[in-house]
Amino acid sequence: MGEVRELTRKKQQLSRGECLELLRKEKRGVLSVLGDGGYPYGVPLNHWYCEEDGRLYFHSGKTGHKLDALRKCGKASFCVLDEGTQKPGRWDLDFRSVVVFGRVAFVEERERIYAVARALSRKFTDDEAYIEAEVARSGPGTCVFCLIPEHMTGKLVNES
């Protein structure tokens, strides 16, 4: 990765461990890519953080704007934030966010695609029979790709 920007407000910076906790715990984020005509394209996605290889995995259909953009330029960022907390009597939230910058790789091996689909599903349900039925039904039409992190930053934000 080229020049890495450091966080401006160091007091608000999250540790690497706190960033990884958010990636493990939160179910959704926004993947941003370089879209058509050079416009940024951000799309909400479910994700799974794999402890073994440190990559973020996503599933998708096999066609669309997002995949076209990733095939043209494999650089992407993924932003996750928690629900935040509100202090009594206040309107503003304190929330944590993490942004991961990296490059995308497509997963080609069918068994790995199914394993990732199962892992993603377990973030939402522990019903193994349901998961297996979904993988059997939609697995053949599923595209899986991962974001290989090059830089990650996280911070605690107060809206006030």
C-alpha atoms as a PDB file:
ATOM      1  CA  MET A   1       0.000   0.000   0.000  1.00  0.00           C
ATOM      2  CA  GLY A   2       1.229   3.496  -0.760  1.00  0.00           C
ATOM      3  CA  GLU A   3       1.431   6.156   1.894  1.00  0.00           C
ATOM      4  CA  VAL A   4      -0.515   5.192   5.010  1.00  0.00           C
ATOM      5  CA  ARG A   5      -2.454   7.960   6.702  1.00  0.00           C
ATOM      6  CA  GLU A   6      -2.201   7.987  10.448  1.00  0.00           C
ATOM      7  CA  LEU A   7      -5.195   8.815  12.620  1.00  0.00           C
ATOM      8  CA  THR A   8      -5.330  12.538  13.381  1.00  0.00           C
ATOM      9  CA  ARG A   9      -6.920  12.246  16.822  1.00  0.00           C
ATOM     10  CA  LYS A  10      -4.607   9.774  18.534  1.00  0.00           C
ATOM     11  CA  LYS A  11      -6.585   9.905  21.813  1.00  0.00           C
ATOM     12  CA  GLN A  12      -9.524   8.304  20.011  1.00  0.00           C
ATOM     13  CA  GLN A  13      -7.496   5.548  18.339  1.00  0.00           C
ATOM     14  CA  LEU A  14      -8.531   1.948  18.997  1.00  0.00           C
ATOM     15  CA  SER A  15      -5.948  -0.754  19.575  1.00  0.00           C
ATOM     16  CA  ARG A  16      -5.481  -3.511  17.019  1.00  0.00           C
ATOM     17  CA  GLY A  17      -7.261  -5.874  19.429  1.00  0.00           C
ATOM     18  CA  GLU A  18     -10.282  -3.558  19.678  1.00  0.00           C
ATOM     19  CA  CYS A  19     -10.406  -3.294  15.873  1.00  0.00           C
ATOM     20  CA  LEU A  20     -10.341  -7.081  15.515  1.00  0.00           C
ATOM     21  CA  GLU A  21     -13.051  -7.425  18.177  1.00  0.00           C
ATOM     22  CA  LEU A  22     -15.332  -5.163  16.115  1.00  0.00           C
ATOM     23  CA  LEU A  23     -14.630  -7.145  12.950  1.00  0.00           C
ATOM     24  CA  ARG A  24     -15.430 -10.415  14.737  1.00  0.00           C
ATOM     25  CA  LYS A  25     -18.521  -9.165  16.553  1.00  0.00           C
ATOM     26  CA  GLU A  26     -20.332  -6.893  14.116  1.00  0.00           C
ATOM     27  CA  LYS A  27     -22.357  -8.508  11.363  1.00  0.00           C
ATOM     28  CA  ARG A  28     -22.341  -5.805   8.704  1.00  0.00           C
ATOM     29  CA  GLY A  29     -20.250  -3.065   7.203  1.00  0.00           C
ATOM     30  CA  VAL A  30     -19.796  -1.075   4.014  1.00  0.00           C
ATOM     31  CA  LEU A  31     -17.395  -2.181   1.293  1.00  0.00           C
ATOM     32  CA  SER A  32     -16.142   0.720  -0.805  1.00  0.00           C
ATOM     33  CA  VAL A  33     -14.693   0.219  -4.263  1.00  0.00           C
ATOM     34  CA  LEU A  34     -13.833   2.313  -7.295  1.00  0.00           C
ATOM     35  CA  GLY A  35     -17.047   2.118  -9.283  1.00  0.00           C
ATOM     36  CA  ASP A  36     -18.202   3.079 -12.752  1.00  0.00           C
ATOM     37  CA  GLY A  37     -16.796   6.309 -14.135  1.00  0.00           C
ATOM     38  CA  GLY A  38     -14.378   6.637 -11.207  1.00  0.00           C
ATOM     39  CA  TYR A  39     -17.155   7.229  -8.705  1.00  0.00           C
ATOM     40  CA  PRO A  40     -16.823   5.675  -5.247  1.00  0.00           C
ATOM     41  CA  TYR A  41     -19.277   2.830  -4.742  1.00  0.00           C
ATOM     42  CA  GLY A  42     -20.123   1.747  -1.215  1.00  0.00           C
ATOM     43  CA  VAL A  43     -22.311  -1.264  -0.593  1.00  0.00           C
ATOM     44  CA  PRO A  44     -23.461  -2.755   2.737  1.00  0.00           C
ATOM     45  CA  LEU A  45     -22.366  -6.355   3.174  1.00  0.00           C
ATOM     46  CA  ASN A  46     -22.244  -9.139   5.728  1.00  0.00           C
ATOM     47  CA  HIS A  47     -18.712 -10.239   6.507  1.00  0.00           C
ATOM     48  CA  TRP A  48     -16.738 -12.883   8.347  1.00  0.00           C
ATOM     49  CA  TYR A  49     -13.322 -12.228   9.862  1.00  0.00           C
ATOM     50  CA  CYS A  50     -11.173 -15.369   9.666  1.00  0.00           C
ATOM     51  CA  GLU A  51      -8.812 -15.662  12.624  1.00  0.00           C
ATOM     52  CA  GLU A  52      -6.599 -18.172  10.794  1.00  0.00           C
ATOM     53  CA  ASP A  53      -5.566 -15.975   7.878  1.00  0.00           C
ATOM     54  CA  GLY A  54      -6.570 -12.485   9.097  1.00  0.00           C
ATOM     55  CA  ARG A  55      -8.782 -11.867   6.067  1.00  0.00           C
ATOM     56  CA  LEU A  56     -12.327 -10.574   5.747  1.00  0.00           C
ATOM     57  CA  TYR A  57     -14.629 -12.755   3.657  1.00  0.00           C
ATOM     58  CA  PHE A  58     -17.772 -11.773   1.775  1.00  0.00           C
ATOM     59  CA  HIS A  59     -20.327 -13.623  -0.318  1.00  0.00           C
ATOM     60  CA  SER A  60     -22.188 -12.353  -3.324  1.00  0.00           C
ATOM     61  CA  GLY A  61     -23.996 -13.305  -6.461  1.00  0.00           C
ATOM     62  CA  LYS A  62     -21.743 -13.894  -9.436  1.00  0.00           C
ATOM     63  CA  THR A  63     -22.468 -10.654 -11.313  1.00  0.00           C
ATOM     64  CA  GLY A  64     -23.024  -6.991 -10.563  1.00  0.00           C
ATOM     65  CA  HIS A  65     -21.518  -3.541 -10.136  1.00  0.00           C
ATOM     66  CA  LYS A  66     -19.454  -4.486  -7.076  1.00  0.00           C
ATOM     67  CA  LEU A  67     -17.802  -7.469  -8.765  1.00  0.00           C
ATOM     68  CA  ASP A  68     -17.209  -5.569 -12.004  1.00  0.00           C
ATOM     69  CA  ALA A  69     -15.491  -2.819 -10.007  1.00  0.00           C
ATOM     70  CA  LEU A  70     -13.357  -5.305  -8.040  1.00  0.00           C
ATOM     71  CA  ARG A  71     -12.247  -7.037 -11.216  1.00  0.00           C
ATOM     72  CA  LYS A  72     -11.121  -3.683 -12.652  1.00  0.00           C
ATOM     73  CA  CYS A  73      -9.402  -2.496  -9.469  1.00  0.00           C
ATOM     74  CA  GLY A  74      -8.829  -4.864  -6.576  1.00  0.00           C
ATOM     75  CA  LYS A  75      -8.255  -2.112  -4.014  1.00  0.00           C
ATOM     76  CA  ALA A  76     -11.064  -1.672  -1.499  1.00  0.00           C
ATOM     77  CA  SER A  77     -11.875  -0.527   1.998  1.00  0.00           C
ATOM     78  CA  PHE A  78     -14.355  -1.940   4.462  1.00  0.00           C
ATOM     79  CA  CYS A  79     -15.872   0.085   7.310  1.00  0.00           C
ATOM     80  CA  VAL A  80     -17.616  -1.417  10.336  1.00  0.00           C
ATOM     81  CA  LEU A  81     -19.151   0.436  13.269  1.00  0.00           C
ATOM     82  CA  ASP A  82     -20.919  -0.689  16.382  1.00  0.00           C
ATOM     83  CA  GLU A  83     -24.338   0.501  17.572  1.00  0.00           C
ATOM     84  CA  GLY A  84     -22.782   2.922  20.019  1.00  0.00           C
ATOM     85  CA  THR A  85     -23.848   3.951  23.469  1.00  0.00           C
ATOM     86  CA  GLN A  86     -25.831   6.950  24.597  1.00  0.00           C
ATOM     87  CA  LYS A  87     -25.282   8.651  27.932  1.00  0.00           C
ATOM     88  CA  PRO A  88     -28.499   9.338  29.895  1.00  0.00           C
ATOM     89  CA  GLY A  89     -30.089  12.633  28.903  1.00  0.00           C
ATOM     90  CA  ARG A  90     -27.863  13.074  25.840  1.00  0.00           C
ATOM     91  CA  TRP A  91     -28.695  12.886  22.123  1.00  0.00           C
ATOM     92  CA  ASP A  92     -25.210  12.026  20.956  1.00  0.00           C
ATOM     93  CA  LEU A  93     -23.619   8.589  20.688  1.00  0.00           C
ATOM     94  CA  ASP A  94     -20.180   7.252  21.446  1.00  0.00           C
ATOM     95  CA  PHE A  95     -19.396   4.571  18.883  1.00  0.00           C
ATOM     96  CA  ARG A  96     -16.412   2.624  17.652  1.00  0.00           C
ATOM     97  CA  SER A  97     -15.496   2.202  14.015  1.00  0.00           C
ATOM     98  CA  VAL A  98     -12.807   0.402  12.077  1.00  0.00           C
ATOM     99  CA  VAL A  99     -11.710   0.827   8.465  1.00  0.00           C
ATOM    100  CA  VAL A 100      -9.694  -1.902   6.746  1.00  0.00           C
ATOM    101  CA  PHE A 101      -7.820  -1.063   3.552  1.00  0.00           C
ATOM    102  CA  GLY A 102      -6.579  -3.836   1.326  1.00  0.00           C
ATOM    103  CA  ARG A 103      -6.779  -5.829  -1.861  1.00  0.00           C
ATOM    104  CA  VAL A 104      -9.424  -8.308  -2.887  1.00  0.00           C
ATOM    105  CA  ALA A 105      -8.826 -11.906  -3.931  1.00  0.00           C
ATOM    106  CA  PHE A 106     -11.528 -14.167  -5.313  1.00  0.00           C
ATOM    107  CA  VAL A 107     -11.989 -17.613  -3.780  1.00  0.00           C
ATOM    108  CA  GLU A 108     -12.201 -20.235  -6.505  1.00  0.00           C
ATOM    109  CA  GLU A 109     -12.170 -23.532  -4.582  1.00  0.00           C
ATOM    110  CA  ARG A 110     -15.777 -24.744  -4.175  1.00  0.00           C
ATOM    111  CA  GLU A 111     -15.237 -26.346  -0.731  1.00  0.00           C
ATOM    112  CA  ARG A 112     -13.665 -23.132   0.587  1.00  0.00           C
ATOM    113  CA  ILE A 113     -16.609 -21.153  -0.775  1.00  0.00           C
ATOM    114  CA  TYR A 114     -18.991 -23.446   1.111  1.00  0.00           C
ATOM    115  CA  ALA A 115     -16.890 -23.233   4.300  1.00  0.00           C
ATOM    116  CA  VAL A 116     -16.955 -19.434   4.168  1.00  0.00           C
ATOM    117  CA  ALA A 117     -20.713 -19.450   3.501  1.00  0.00           C
ATOM    118  CA  ARG A 118     -21.193 -21.619   6.594  1.00  0.00           C
ATOM    119  CA  ALA A 119     -18.992 -19.362   8.732  1.00  0.00           C
ATOM    120  CA  LEU A 120     -20.861 -16.258   7.549  1.00  0.00           C
ATOM    121  CA  SER A 121     -24.199 -17.941   8.310  1.00  0.00           C
ATOM    122  CA  ARG A 122     -23.110 -18.802  11.860  1.00  0.00           C
ATOM    123  CA  LYS A 123     -22.902 -15.080  12.627  1.00  0.00           C
ATOM    124  CA  PHE A 124     -26.698 -15.042  12.248  1.00  0.00           C
ATOM    125  CA  THR A 125     -27.899 -18.489  13.366  1.00  0.00           C
ATOM    126  CA  ASP A 126     -26.681 -21.667  15.035  1.00  0.00           C
ATOM    127  CA  ASP A 127     -29.272 -23.770  13.172  1.00  0.00           C
ATOM    128  CA  GLU A 128     -26.898 -26.137  11.351  1.00  0.00           C
ATOM    129  CA  ALA A 129     -29.694 -27.850   9.413  1.00  0.00           C
ATOM    130  CA  TYR A 130     -30.807 -24.472   8.039  1.00  0.00           C
ATOM    131  CA  ILE A 131     -27.213 -23.520   7.184  1.00  0.00           C
ATOM    132  CA  GLU A 132     -26.594 -26.771   5.316  1.00  0.00           C
ATOM    133  CA  ALA A 133     -29.855 -26.440   3.408  1.00  0.00           C
ATOM    134  CA  GLU A 134     -28.947 -22.867   2.382  1.00  0.00           C
ATOM    135  CA  VAL A 135     -25.436 -23.866   1.293  1.00  0.00           C
ATOM    136  CA  ALA A 136     -26.848 -26.737  -0.765  1.00  0.00           C
ATOM    137  CA  ARG A 137     -29.482 -24.470  -2.333  1.00  0.00           C
ATOM    138  CA  SER A 138     -27.462 -21.314  -3.038  1.00  0.00           C
ATOM    139  CA  GLY A 139     -23.849 -22.512  -2.878  1.00  0.00           C
ATOM    140  CA  PRO A 140     -23.431 -23.194  -6.602  1.00  0.00           C
ATOM    141  CA  GLY A 141     -24.468 -19.615  -7.447  1.00  0.00           C
ATOM    142  CA  THR A 142     -22.324 -17.995  -4.782  1.00  0.00           C
ATOM    143  CA  CYS A 143     -19.212 -15.934  -5.340  1.00  0.00           C
ATOM    144  CA  VAL A 144     -16.842 -15.514  -2.397  1.00  0.00           C
ATOM    145  CA  PHE A 145     -14.051 -12.993  -2.156  1.00  0.00           C
ATOM    146  CA  CYS A 146     -11.795 -11.800   0.616  1.00  0.00           C
ATOM    147  CA  LEU A 147     -10.196  -8.521   1.577  1.00  0.00           C
ATOM    148  CA  ILE A 148      -6.527  -9.007   2.395  1.00  0.00           C
ATOM    149  CA  PRO A 149      -5.748  -6.232   4.888  1.00  0.00           C
ATOM    150  CA  GLU A 150      -2.852  -3.888   4.196  1.00  0.00           C
ATOM    151  CA  HIS A 151      -3.765  -1.225   6.760  1.00  0.00           C
ATOM    152  CA  MET A 152      -6.377  -0.956   9.485  1.00  0.00           C
ATOM    153  CA  THR A 153      -7.416   1.918  11.682  1.00  0.00           C
ATOM    154  CA  GLY A 154     -10.091   2.263  14.318  1.00  0.00           C
ATOM    155  CA  LYS A 155     -11.380   5.009  16.522  1.00  0.00           C
ATOM    156  CA  LEU A 156     -13.861   5.951  19.202  1.00  0.00           C
ATOM    157  CA  VAL A 157     -16.144   8.705  17.921  1.00  0.00           C
ATOM    158  CA  ASN A 158     -18.366  11.041  19.903  1.00  0.00           C
ATOM    159  CA  GLU A 159     -21.054  12.722  17.834  1.00  0.00           C
ATOM    160  CA  SER A 160     -21.264  15.854  19.966  1.00  0.00           C
END
